Protein backbone atom coordinates (compact mmCIF):
# COMPACT_ATOMS: atom_id res chain seq x y z
CA MET A 1 106.69 147.26 34.98
CA SER A 2 106.83 145.55 31.88
CA ILE A 3 104.53 146.24 28.96
CA LEU A 4 102.70 143.36 28.62
CA THR A 5 101.88 143.33 32.47
CA LEU A 6 100.22 147.04 32.27
CA ILE A 7 98.05 145.47 29.01
CA ILE A 8 96.91 142.36 31.13
CA LYS A 9 96.40 144.76 34.04
CA ARG A 10 94.58 147.30 31.88
CA GLU A 11 91.99 144.18 29.96
CA PHE A 12 91.85 142.66 33.32
CA ILE A 13 90.33 145.66 35.47
CA SER A 14 88.28 146.86 32.16
CA LYS A 15 86.84 143.50 32.33
CA VAL A 16 86.22 143.42 36.34
CA ARG A 17 84.73 146.83 35.98
CA ASN A 18 82.26 146.05 33.31
CA LYS A 19 78.53 146.58 35.28
CA SER A 20 77.68 143.43 33.00
CA PHE A 21 80.36 141.16 34.53
CA ILE A 22 79.48 142.47 37.61
CA VAL A 23 75.52 142.03 37.36
CA MET A 24 76.25 138.19 35.33
CA THR A 25 79.43 137.41 38.17
CA PHE A 26 76.95 137.70 41.19
CA LEU A 27 73.47 136.69 39.48
CA SER A 28 74.14 133.90 37.27
CA PRO A 29 74.46 131.81 40.40
CA LEU A 30 70.97 132.80 41.84
CA LEU A 31 69.44 132.51 38.15
CA PHE A 32 70.72 129.31 37.31
CA VAL A 33 69.10 127.90 40.71
CA ALA A 34 65.74 129.31 40.35
CA LEU A 35 65.88 128.16 37.07
CA ALA A 36 66.44 124.59 38.47
CA ALA A 37 63.91 124.84 40.94
CA PHE A 38 61.58 126.40 38.51
CA VAL A 39 62.14 123.21 36.11
CA GLY A 40 61.47 121.03 39.81
CA TYR A 41 58.11 122.72 40.14
CA LEU A 42 56.96 122.49 36.94
CA SER A 43 58.26 118.57 36.93
CA THR A 44 55.83 118.29 39.69
CA MET A 45 52.70 119.69 38.01
CA ARG A 46 50.56 117.36 35.99
CA SER A 47 47.65 118.45 33.32
CA GLY A 48 44.11 117.55 33.45
CA VAL A 49 43.39 113.53 34.08
CA LYS A 50 42.85 112.13 30.29
CA LYS A 51 40.18 110.16 29.79
CA ILE A 52 40.16 106.92 27.47
CA LEU A 53 37.59 105.41 25.95
CA ILE A 54 37.25 101.54 25.76
CA HIS A 55 35.06 99.87 22.99
CA ASP A 56 35.86 96.22 23.66
CA GLU A 57 33.83 94.05 21.16
CA SER A 58 35.56 91.43 22.75
CA ALA A 59 34.29 91.56 26.16
CA PHE A 60 37.99 90.23 27.02
CA PHE A 61 40.35 93.60 28.16
CA THR A 62 37.00 95.31 30.37
CA ASP A 63 38.29 95.44 33.49
CA GLU A 64 42.46 94.63 32.72
CA PHE A 65 43.03 98.59 32.85
CA LYS A 66 43.52 100.78 36.01
CA GLN A 67 42.53 104.53 36.60
CA THR A 68 45.71 106.14 37.62
CA ASP A 69 46.62 109.82 38.06
CA GLN A 70 47.26 110.57 35.02
CA TYR A 71 44.56 108.44 32.50
CA HIS A 72 40.91 107.28 33.29
CA TYR A 73 39.36 104.76 31.61
CA LEU A 74 36.08 104.31 30.95
CA ASN A 75 34.24 101.55 28.96
CA PHE A 76 32.14 102.39 26.70
CA SER A 77 31.63 99.50 24.91
CA ASP A 78 27.73 99.70 24.38
CA ILE A 79 28.35 102.90 22.37
CA PRO A 80 28.31 102.90 18.55
CA LEU A 81 32.11 103.62 17.82
CA GLN A 82 30.98 106.21 15.76
CA ALA A 83 29.55 108.28 18.29
CA LEU A 84 32.38 108.22 20.40
CA LYS A 85 34.51 109.05 17.35
CA ASP A 86 32.58 111.85 17.15
CA SER A 87 32.98 112.75 21.13
CA VAL A 88 36.64 112.54 20.44
CA ALA A 89 36.89 114.78 17.09
CA ALA A 90 34.71 117.47 19.60
CA GLU A 91 37.69 117.05 21.99
CA LYS A 92 35.21 115.66 24.80
CA TYR A 93 37.70 112.85 25.69
CA GLU A 94 41.23 111.84 24.41
CA GLY A 95 41.09 108.87 22.52
CA ILE A 96 39.28 105.62 21.88
CA LEU A 97 41.26 102.20 22.39
CA PHE A 98 39.04 99.87 19.93
CA ILE A 99 39.00 96.52 20.49
CA PRO A 100 37.29 94.36 17.93
CA LYS A 101 35.70 90.81 18.14
CA SER A 102 37.96 88.20 16.43
CA ALA A 103 38.28 84.50 16.01
CA ASP A 104 41.71 83.75 17.74
CA ASN A 105 44.17 85.83 19.73
CA LYS A 106 47.04 85.57 16.92
CA SER A 107 44.29 88.00 14.91
CA LEU A 108 43.29 89.86 17.93
CA SER A 109 46.69 91.29 18.80
CA GLU A 110 46.99 92.95 15.47
CA ASP A 111 43.41 94.53 14.70
CA ILE A 112 43.45 96.67 17.86
CA GLN A 113 43.73 100.40 17.34
CA TYR A 114 43.76 103.78 19.42
CA ILE A 115 41.95 106.62 17.97
CA SER A 116 42.73 110.10 18.68
CA ASN A 117 43.41 113.51 17.19
CA GLU A 118 46.84 113.45 18.20
CA SER A 119 49.21 110.82 18.59
CA PRO A 120 49.55 109.79 21.92
CA SER A 121 53.12 109.14 23.62
CA ALA A 122 54.97 106.26 23.31
CA SER A 123 55.08 105.50 26.96
CA PHE A 124 51.39 105.20 26.72
CA ILE A 125 51.40 103.52 24.14
CA GLU A 126 53.63 100.69 25.38
CA GLY A 127 51.70 100.60 28.84
CA LEU A 128 48.51 99.68 26.72
CA GLN A 129 50.74 97.15 24.69
CA GLU A 130 51.80 95.59 28.17
CA VAL A 131 48.60 95.08 29.62
CA ILE A 132 46.93 94.19 26.67
CA GLY A 133 50.18 91.61 25.97
CA LYS A 134 49.87 90.19 29.12
CA LYS A 135 46.21 89.45 29.07
CA LEU A 136 46.29 87.59 25.72
CA THR A 137 49.68 85.88 27.10
CA THR A 138 47.94 84.00 29.95
CA SER A 139 44.62 83.15 27.72
CA ASN A 140 47.36 81.31 25.26
CA LEU A 141 48.74 79.33 28.02
CA GLN A 142 44.82 78.26 29.58
CA LYS A 143 44.42 77.70 25.90
CA ALA A 144 47.22 75.27 25.62
CA GLY A 145 46.39 73.65 29.25
CA LEU A 146 49.62 75.22 30.94
CA ASP A 147 49.29 76.05 34.46
CA THR A 148 49.73 79.58 34.41
CA LEU A 149 50.71 79.96 38.19
CA ALA A 150 53.23 77.78 38.32
CA ILE A 151 54.76 79.32 35.24
CA ALA A 152 54.71 82.85 37.02
CA ASN A 153 56.20 81.36 40.08
CA ALA A 154 58.80 79.31 37.95
CA GLN A 155 59.93 83.18 35.96
CA ALA A 156 63.19 84.45 37.75
CA LYS A 157 63.87 87.77 38.52
CA VAL A 158 68.18 88.30 38.56
CA ASP A 159 69.61 91.30 40.55
CA ILE A 160 73.27 90.66 40.14
CA ASN A 161 75.27 92.10 42.67
CA LEU A 162 78.56 94.18 41.91
CA THR A 163 81.44 93.95 44.08
CA LYS A 164 84.96 95.46 43.76
CA VAL A 165 87.96 93.44 43.95
CA SER A 166 89.02 94.30 46.84
CA GLY A 167 85.73 92.83 48.27
CA GLU A 168 84.17 96.12 48.74
CA GLU A 169 80.06 96.50 47.17
CA THR A 170 79.86 98.88 44.69
CA VAL A 171 76.49 100.16 42.88
CA LYS A 172 75.08 100.64 39.52
CA GLY A 173 74.67 103.70 37.31
CA LEU A 174 77.93 104.62 38.74
CA ASN A 175 79.77 105.22 35.43
CA GLU A 176 76.96 107.22 34.13
CA ILE A 177 77.03 109.29 37.15
CA LYS A 178 80.98 110.21 36.78
CA VAL A 179 80.18 110.96 32.95
CA ILE A 180 77.77 113.26 34.11
CA ILE A 181 79.93 114.99 36.52
CA GLY A 182 83.29 115.08 34.06
CA GLY A 183 80.87 116.22 31.10
CA ALA A 184 79.10 119.01 33.15
CA PHE A 185 82.90 120.20 33.85
CA GLY A 186 83.82 119.70 30.02
CA TYR A 187 80.42 121.68 29.16
CA LEU A 188 81.43 124.62 31.04
CA ILE A 189 85.28 125.14 29.64
CA MET A 190 83.54 124.93 26.14
CA MET A 191 81.25 127.62 27.30
CA PHE A 192 83.95 129.73 29.14
CA ILE A 193 85.99 129.22 25.55
CA ILE A 194 83.28 130.48 23.75
CA ILE A 195 81.99 133.58 25.86
CA TYR A 196 85.56 134.34 26.59
CA GLY A 197 86.87 133.93 23.16
CA ASN A 198 84.01 136.29 21.60
CA MET A 199 85.05 138.82 24.35
CA VAL A 200 88.48 138.58 23.10
CA MET A 201 87.49 138.74 19.27
CA ARG A 202 84.98 141.42 19.96
CA SER A 203 87.84 143.87 22.25
CA VAL A 204 89.82 143.15 19.16
CA ILE A 205 87.25 144.88 16.45
CA GLU A 206 85.66 147.48 18.61
CA GLU A 207 89.42 148.76 18.86
CA LYS A 208 90.38 148.28 15.25
CA THR A 209 87.13 150.01 14.28
CA ASN A 210 87.43 152.99 16.41
CA ARG A 211 90.69 153.10 15.10
CA ILE A 212 92.07 152.97 18.53
CA ILE A 213 94.21 150.40 17.81
CA GLU A 214 96.83 152.46 15.49
CA ILE A 215 97.48 154.41 18.82
CA ILE A 216 98.35 151.37 20.81
CA ILE A 217 100.13 149.51 17.83
CA SER A 218 102.56 152.40 17.86
CA SER A 219 103.78 152.04 21.47
CA VAL A 220 103.53 148.07 21.68
CA LYS A 221 104.32 145.17 19.71
CA PRO A 222 101.05 143.59 17.83
CA PHE A 223 102.07 139.98 19.64
CA GLN A 224 102.33 142.04 23.18
CA LEU A 225 98.94 143.02 22.48
CA MET A 226 97.36 140.13 21.61
CA MET A 227 98.86 138.00 24.89
CA GLY A 228 97.85 140.89 27.39
CA LYS A 229 94.36 140.35 25.76
CA ILE A 230 94.22 136.65 26.37
CA ILE A 231 96.43 136.83 29.44
CA GLY A 232 94.00 139.17 30.41
CA THR A 233 90.55 137.98 29.78
CA SER A 234 91.36 134.84 31.08
CA LEU A 235 92.21 136.31 34.28
CA ALA A 236 88.74 137.75 34.64
CA GLY A 237 87.70 134.49 33.40
CA VAL A 238 89.24 132.61 36.50
CA LEU A 239 87.86 135.53 38.97
CA GLN A 240 84.19 134.89 37.54
CA PHE A 241 84.61 131.07 38.10
CA LEU A 242 85.86 131.37 41.55
CA ILE A 243 83.36 133.65 42.64
CA TRP A 244 80.65 130.99 41.09
CA ALA A 245 82.38 128.46 42.74
CA ILE A 246 82.07 129.93 46.05
CA VAL A 247 78.63 131.33 45.58
CA GLY A 248 77.61 127.79 44.96
CA SER A 249 79.45 126.40 47.97
CA ILE A 250 77.37 128.60 49.93
CA LEU A 251 73.99 127.86 48.08
CA PHE A 252 74.75 123.95 48.54
CA VAL A 253 75.38 124.03 52.19
CA ILE A 254 72.45 126.09 52.56
CA ALA A 255 69.98 123.24 50.25
CA SER A 256 72.27 120.46 52.19
CA SER A 257 70.74 122.30 55.97
CA PHE A 258 67.47 122.78 54.35
CA LEU A 259 66.93 118.86 53.08
CA GLY A 260 68.30 117.43 56.52
CA MET A 261 65.48 119.22 58.24
CA GLN A 262 63.36 117.85 56.15
CA MET A 263 64.81 114.60 56.58
CA SER A 264 64.22 114.94 59.93
CA SER A 265 60.52 115.51 60.18
CA PRO A 266 58.31 112.44 60.75
CA THR A 267 57.06 111.53 57.68
CA ALA A 268 60.57 111.59 56.47
CA GLU A 269 61.63 109.09 59.53
CA MET A 270 58.95 107.02 58.80
CA ALA A 271 59.75 106.64 55.35
CA ALA A 272 63.68 105.85 56.37
CA ALA A 273 62.34 103.33 58.61
CA SER A 274 60.17 101.88 56.20
CA GLY A 275 63.25 101.78 53.09
CA SER A 276 66.38 100.66 55.01
CA ASP A 277 67.45 99.23 51.54
CA PHE A 278 66.87 102.75 49.85
CA SER A 279 68.77 104.24 52.58
CA ALA A 280 71.78 101.66 52.36
CA THR A 281 72.08 102.56 48.78
CA ALA A 282 72.13 106.08 48.97
CA GLN A 283 74.94 105.13 51.38
CA LEU A 284 76.87 103.38 48.75
CA TYR A 285 76.31 106.23 46.21
CA ILE A 286 77.82 108.72 48.51
CA ARG A 287 80.53 106.61 49.52
CA GLU A 288 81.49 105.90 46.08
CA MET A 289 81.47 109.72 45.23
CA SER A 290 83.44 110.48 47.83
CA ASN A 291 86.16 108.51 46.15
CA LEU A 292 85.98 110.22 42.94
CA PRO A 293 89.23 112.44 42.40
CA VAL A 294 87.59 116.03 43.88
CA ALA A 295 90.65 117.59 44.02
CA THR A 296 92.39 116.51 40.17
CA LEU A 297 89.11 117.16 38.74
CA LEU A 298 89.28 120.73 40.16
CA ILE A 299 92.93 121.31 39.47
CA SER A 300 92.89 119.97 36.32
CA PHE A 301 89.87 121.97 35.31
CA LEU A 302 91.55 125.32 36.05
CA ILE A 303 94.49 123.88 34.17
CA TYR A 304 92.52 123.08 31.01
CA PHE A 305 90.55 126.18 31.35
CA MET A 306 93.78 127.66 31.37
CA GLY A 307 94.99 126.16 28.31
CA GLY A 308 91.63 125.45 26.19
CA TYR A 309 91.22 129.30 26.49
CA PHE A 310 94.65 130.40 25.49
CA LEU A 311 94.74 128.25 22.44
CA TYR A 312 91.40 128.90 21.26
CA SER A 313 91.45 132.59 22.31
CA SER A 314 94.54 133.31 20.22
CA VAL A 315 92.97 132.09 17.33
CA TYR A 316 89.97 134.63 18.12
CA ALA A 317 91.98 137.14 18.26
CA ALA A 318 93.91 136.26 14.81
CA ILE A 319 89.91 136.57 13.34
CA GLY A 320 89.11 139.87 15.29
CA ALA A 321 92.16 141.13 13.55
CA ALA A 322 91.20 140.22 10.45
CA VAL A 323 87.85 141.71 9.83
CA ASP A 324 86.27 144.59 10.62
CA ASN A 325 83.04 143.68 11.91
CA GLU A 326 81.44 140.00 13.87
CA THR A 327 79.54 139.87 10.66
CA ASP A 328 82.53 139.06 8.95
CA SER A 329 84.02 136.83 11.07
CA GLN A 330 80.91 134.36 11.10
CA GLN A 331 82.89 132.31 7.94
CA PHE A 332 85.68 131.49 10.05
CA LEU A 333 83.73 130.57 13.91
CA LEU A 334 82.73 127.04 12.57
CA PRO A 335 86.07 125.62 12.49
CA ILE A 336 86.71 127.18 15.80
CA ILE A 337 83.67 125.17 17.64
CA MET A 338 83.46 122.28 15.57
CA PRO A 339 86.52 120.56 17.68
CA LEU A 340 84.37 121.92 20.28
CA ILE A 341 81.62 120.13 19.42
CA LEU A 342 83.34 116.94 18.95
CA GLY A 343 84.76 116.65 22.20
CA VAL A 344 81.29 116.38 23.80
CA TYR A 345 80.13 113.72 21.32
CA ILE A 346 83.58 111.98 21.90
CA GLY A 347 83.33 111.92 25.53
CA PHE A 348 79.41 111.03 25.92
CA PHE A 349 79.83 108.32 23.51
CA SER A 350 82.83 107.15 23.99
CA VAL A 351 83.56 107.67 27.87
CA LEU A 352 80.78 106.06 29.49
CA SER A 353 81.38 102.47 27.30
CA GLU A 354 85.23 102.52 27.14
CA PRO A 355 86.35 105.31 29.21
CA HIS A 356 90.21 103.68 29.03
CA GLY A 357 89.76 102.72 25.49
CA THR A 358 91.89 104.03 22.11
CA ILE A 359 89.22 106.60 21.18
CA ALA A 360 88.70 107.86 24.36
CA THR A 361 92.37 108.15 25.37
CA VAL A 362 93.51 109.39 21.61
CA PHE A 363 91.22 112.40 21.56
CA SER A 364 91.74 113.18 25.70
CA MET A 365 95.36 113.56 24.02
CA ILE A 366 94.64 116.03 20.62
CA PRO A 367 94.85 119.10 22.07
CA PHE A 368 91.77 120.98 20.80
CA THR A 369 89.53 118.32 22.43
CA SER A 370 91.84 117.14 25.58
CA PRO A 371 89.65 119.92 27.58
CA ILE A 372 86.70 118.35 27.17
CA VAL A 373 87.44 114.92 26.90
CA MET A 374 90.10 114.25 29.57
CA LEU A 375 88.06 115.98 32.02
CA MET A 376 85.44 113.57 31.26
CA ARG A 377 87.91 110.61 31.69
CA ILE A 378 89.27 111.94 35.10
CA PRO A 379 86.26 110.75 37.39
CA PHE A 380 87.34 107.16 36.26
CA GLY A 381 90.82 107.40 37.53
CA VAL A 382 93.29 108.26 34.60
CA PRO A 383 97.01 107.67 35.36
CA TRP A 384 99.11 110.97 35.99
CA TRP A 385 101.24 110.51 33.22
CA GLN A 386 98.32 110.64 30.75
CA ILE A 387 97.25 113.84 32.70
CA LEU A 388 101.08 115.10 32.13
CA ILE A 389 101.43 114.53 28.73
CA SER A 390 98.43 115.95 27.57
CA VAL A 391 98.76 119.28 29.68
CA THR A 392 102.19 119.76 27.92
CA LEU A 393 100.65 118.95 24.11
CA LEU A 394 97.56 121.52 24.87
CA PHE A 395 99.95 124.54 25.86
CA ALA A 396 102.82 123.44 23.16
CA THR A 397 100.22 123.49 20.89
CA PHE A 398 98.93 126.89 21.80
CA PHE A 399 102.50 128.36 21.75
CA LEU A 400 102.24 127.04 18.02
CA VAL A 401 98.90 128.15 17.32
CA VAL A 402 99.94 131.53 19.36
CA TRP A 403 102.99 132.04 16.62
CA PHE A 404 100.75 131.07 13.75
CA ALA A 405 97.83 133.66 14.83
CA ALA A 406 100.68 136.41 15.83
CA LYS A 407 101.20 136.93 12.04
CA ILE A 408 97.54 137.24 11.44
CA TYR A 409 97.23 139.46 14.22
CA ARG A 410 99.91 141.45 13.20
CA VAL A 411 99.12 142.18 9.21
CA GLY A 412 95.44 141.92 10.09
CA ILE A 413 95.15 144.63 13.16
CA LEU A 414 95.59 147.67 9.86
CA MET A 415 93.69 146.21 7.46
CA TYR A 416 90.47 147.89 7.02
CA GLY A 417 87.72 147.49 3.88
CA LYS A 418 88.36 144.17 2.73
CA LYS A 419 86.78 141.15 3.77
CA PRO A 420 89.56 138.08 4.50
CA THR A 421 89.36 134.81 3.10
CA TRP A 422 90.89 131.67 3.85
CA LYS A 423 92.96 132.29 0.98
CA GLU A 424 94.18 135.48 2.42
CA LEU A 425 95.18 134.54 5.93
CA TYR A 426 97.43 131.94 4.61
CA LYS A 427 99.05 134.58 2.52
CA TRP A 428 99.74 136.60 5.74
CA LEU A 429 100.86 133.87 7.31
CA LYS A 430 103.79 133.52 4.63
CA TYR A 431 104.34 137.76 5.16
């Protein structure tokens, strides 16, 4: 058995036997499901009903505001405005919609106020503006002698149907769903790179500060030690991801069965019978989702995870060898994380609008951003030659970066008591 294989085996076993690794591997999926369920439960919870006072001096909007589960509108137009303000200040009511008298509708639309202790939500104000705007528009049309009913009937609502060239019907919002799926895989890669890259760096720092590294270096070459740490930790990460995938699949099957039982209830059947359009749309979404390149996406995830992790962890290992503690490493970490963050922003802002555009294509080829951007493009269908070029560039850059990182690692692993600078690292590269 070669020395590199022994180092890989040692690093892999030390990671997977760690108690925190075992606990988080099996606990993380359950925590994620519990967190999702908790967020879903919180979204169903409603705060108390908010009471909105209406002080309408024009007596024009008194009956226009409808009660909802969240807001109740109370007509207190006969009570002085100052008394209502005092009640709101004492937090007995949420706020006051003050509508003054006005000579014309134009002045009225500019003089309406909402008075409250705290700023209301934008959606709430938009709802008030919509109700008042419709009422004033109708009034303006009537004053102009126009038939408001005829105008309302003349208004057309356009709903464009989407169809592929092949003649198959498709659905709206599919691009957003594809970006979310690709973005989830890209975010996982970024998270794994940061977590396991930091793990490599901490492992190097720990061996360096404990002076264990001096004994190890006497038996192996620094390059072999660095590569063994990178590969061993990456294999532990892949194992953890596979376990998460298996546990997640089991939980998904259980959840699907539970939802199937819920859908078979009489209430759900009645809802399905009354909402055939919704059912047809849901079937279209399911059909489009089944057409996604799932196999390509999963295989690409593993390849880009390995390539991206190898690329970044070699830099993390070099930084760990250059510093004596994690505090000193902070100045070097931001330039490493910035390309990953850039990849996320490029993915969401360019892939969504133009998945095959120049910006998305270029950044899916650049090795430091391709693990994220390419995975966000794959759900839209990427030619195999682009993926091949991207992967080739990624691993070629890894070999180049690991060559530079090994030069820093070789010098820095035995350096103690000195905080390195960027200038110092450049000197090490020249040795």
